[in-house]
């Protein structure tokens, strides 16, 4: 059997999303991504944090990046 060479993506739905307060924070997308990444790491979801940041940097717009963040954390 061949080994799957594709990296497995972390499915945010399969783990509980940590709560992350972004309302009232500096709206710079890099700042918001950093806050969300810290929340994921604090919850022990280091792989999800890396994946989220990678997807976020590939986003085509601010709103797309925000949508990616909300896939991984419970935004409040």
C-alpha atoms as a PDB file:
ATOM      1  CA  UNK A   1       0.000   0.000   0.000  1.00  0.00           C
ATOM      2  CA  UNK A   2       1.259   3.450  -0.850  1.00  0.00           C
ATOM      3  CA  UNK A   3       1.607   5.948   1.908  1.00  0.00           C
ATOM      4  CA  UNK A   4      -0.540   9.051   1.468  1.00  0.00           C
ATOM      5  CA  UNK A   5       1.858  11.891   0.685  1.00  0.00           C
ATOM      6  CA  UNK A   6      -0.780  14.590   1.130  1.00  0.00           C
ATOM      7  CA  UNK A   7      -0.677  16.247   4.549  1.00  0.00           C
ATOM      8  CA  UNK A   8      -3.847  15.749   6.516  1.00  0.00           C
ATOM      9  CA  UNK A   9      -5.775  18.926   7.179  1.00  0.00           C
ATOM     10  CA  UNK A  10      -6.989  19.536  10.680  1.00  0.00           C
ATOM     11  CA  UNK A  11     -10.757  19.687  10.685  1.00  0.00           C
ATOM     12  CA  UNK A  12     -11.834  22.466  13.009  1.00  0.00           C
ATOM     13  CA  UNK A  13     -15.301  20.890  13.258  1.00  0.00           C
ATOM     14  CA  UNK A  14     -13.835  17.764  14.876  1.00  0.00           C
ATOM     15  CA  UNK A  15     -12.486  19.637  17.878  1.00  0.00           C
ATOM     16  CA  UNK A  16     -14.125  22.157  20.112  1.00  0.00           C
ATOM     17  CA  UNK A  17     -13.488  25.713  18.975  1.00  0.00           C
ATOM     18  CA  UNK A  18     -11.891  27.828  21.680  1.00  0.00           C
ATOM     19  CA  UNK A  19     -13.604  31.100  22.539  1.00  0.00           C
ATOM     20  CA  UNK A  20     -11.772  34.136  21.238  1.00  0.00           C
ATOM     21  CA  UNK A  21     -12.715  37.737  21.960  1.00  0.00           C
ATOM     22  CA  UNK A  22     -12.039  39.807  18.853  1.00  0.00           C
ATOM     23  CA  UNK A  23     -14.800  42.395  19.226  1.00  0.00           C
ATOM     24  CA  UNK A  24     -13.320  45.710  20.299  1.00  0.00           C
ATOM     25  CA  UNK A  25      -9.767  44.704  19.307  1.00  0.00           C
ATOM     26  CA  UNK A  26      -7.565  46.389  16.712  1.00  0.00           C
ATOM     27  CA  UNK A  27      -9.176  45.324  13.423  1.00  0.00           C
ATOM     28  CA  UNK A  28      -5.880  44.734  11.630  1.00  0.00           C
ATOM     29  CA  UNK A  29      -6.239  41.231  10.172  1.00  0.00           C
ATOM     30  CA  UNK A  30      -2.738  40.249  11.280  1.00  0.00           C
ATOM     31  CA  UNK A  31      -3.579  41.275  14.844  1.00  0.00           C
ATOM     32  CA  UNK A  32      -6.862  39.354  14.780  1.00  0.00           C
ATOM     33  CA  UNK A  33      -5.137  36.296  13.333  1.00  0.00           C
ATOM     34  CA  UNK A  34      -2.500  36.473  16.052  1.00  0.00           C
ATOM     35  CA  UNK A  35      -5.128  36.658  18.786  1.00  0.00           C
ATOM     36  CA  UNK A  36      -7.010  33.696  17.287  1.00  0.00           C
ATOM     37  CA  UNK A  37      -3.771  31.734  16.896  1.00  0.00           C
ATOM     38  CA  UNK A  38      -2.922  32.316  20.560  1.00  0.00           C
ATOM     39  CA  UNK A  39      -6.384  31.088  21.586  1.00  0.00           C
ATOM     40  CA  UNK A  40      -5.913  27.904  19.568  1.00  0.00           C
ATOM     41  CA  UNK A  41      -2.453  27.284  21.019  1.00  0.00           C
ATOM     42  CA  UNK A  42      -3.728  27.898  24.548  1.00  0.00           C
ATOM     43  CA  UNK A  43      -6.364  25.215  23.854  1.00  0.00           C
ATOM     44  CA  UNK A  44      -3.612  22.809  22.741  1.00  0.00           C
ATOM     45  CA  UNK A  45      -4.511  23.055  19.047  1.00  0.00           C
ATOM     46  CA  UNK A  46      -1.072  23.978  17.690  1.00  0.00           C
ATOM     47  CA  UNK A  47      -1.552  22.298  14.289  1.00  0.00           C
ATOM     48  CA  UNK A  48      -4.885  24.044  13.807  1.00  0.00           C
ATOM     49  CA  UNK A  49      -3.245  27.385  14.666  1.00  0.00           C
ATOM     50  CA  UNK A  50      -0.574  26.888  11.987  1.00  0.00           C
ATOM     51  CA  UNK A  51      -3.138  25.780   9.443  1.00  0.00           C
ATOM     52  CA  UNK A  52      -5.436  28.722  10.177  1.00  0.00           C
ATOM     53  CA  UNK A  53      -2.626  31.258   9.780  1.00  0.00           C
ATOM     54  CA  UNK A  54      -1.503  29.641   6.530  1.00  0.00           C
ATOM     55  CA  UNK A  55      -5.037  29.710   5.090  1.00  0.00           C
ATOM     56  CA  UNK A  56      -5.552  33.251   6.348  1.00  0.00           C
ATOM     57  CA  UNK A  57      -2.446  34.519   4.536  1.00  0.00           C
ATOM     58  CA  UNK A  58      -3.760  32.964   1.328  1.00  0.00           C
ATOM     59  CA  UNK A  59      -7.130  34.684   1.646  1.00  0.00           C
ATOM     60  CA  UNK A  60      -8.097  37.035  -1.139  1.00  0.00           C
ATOM     61  CA  UNK A  61      -9.862  39.573   1.052  1.00  0.00           C
ATOM     62  CA  UNK A  62     -10.298  40.817   4.597  1.00  0.00           C
ATOM     63  CA  UNK A  63     -13.743  39.230   4.883  1.00  0.00           C
ATOM     64  CA  UNK A  64     -12.436  35.889   3.597  1.00  0.00           C
ATOM     65  CA  UNK A  65      -9.664  35.983   6.219  1.00  0.00           C
ATOM     66  CA  UNK A  66     -12.247  36.725   8.936  1.00  0.00           C
ATOM     67  CA  UNK A  67     -14.350  33.793   7.743  1.00  0.00           C
ATOM     68  CA  UNK A  68     -11.315  31.518   8.018  1.00  0.00           C
ATOM     69  CA  UNK A  69     -10.657  32.721  11.571  1.00  0.00           C
ATOM     70  CA  UNK A  70     -14.272  32.005  12.517  1.00  0.00           C
ATOM     71  CA  UNK A  71     -13.918  28.426  11.198  1.00  0.00           C
ATOM     72  CA  UNK A  72     -11.313  27.779  13.886  1.00  0.00           C
ATOM     73  CA  UNK A  73     -12.396  29.864  16.886  1.00  0.00           C
ATOM     74  CA  UNK A  74     -15.670  30.899  18.478  1.00  0.00           C
ATOM     75  CA  UNK A  75     -15.487  34.646  17.850  1.00  0.00           C
ATOM     76  CA  UNK A  76     -17.069  36.876  20.465  1.00  0.00           C
END
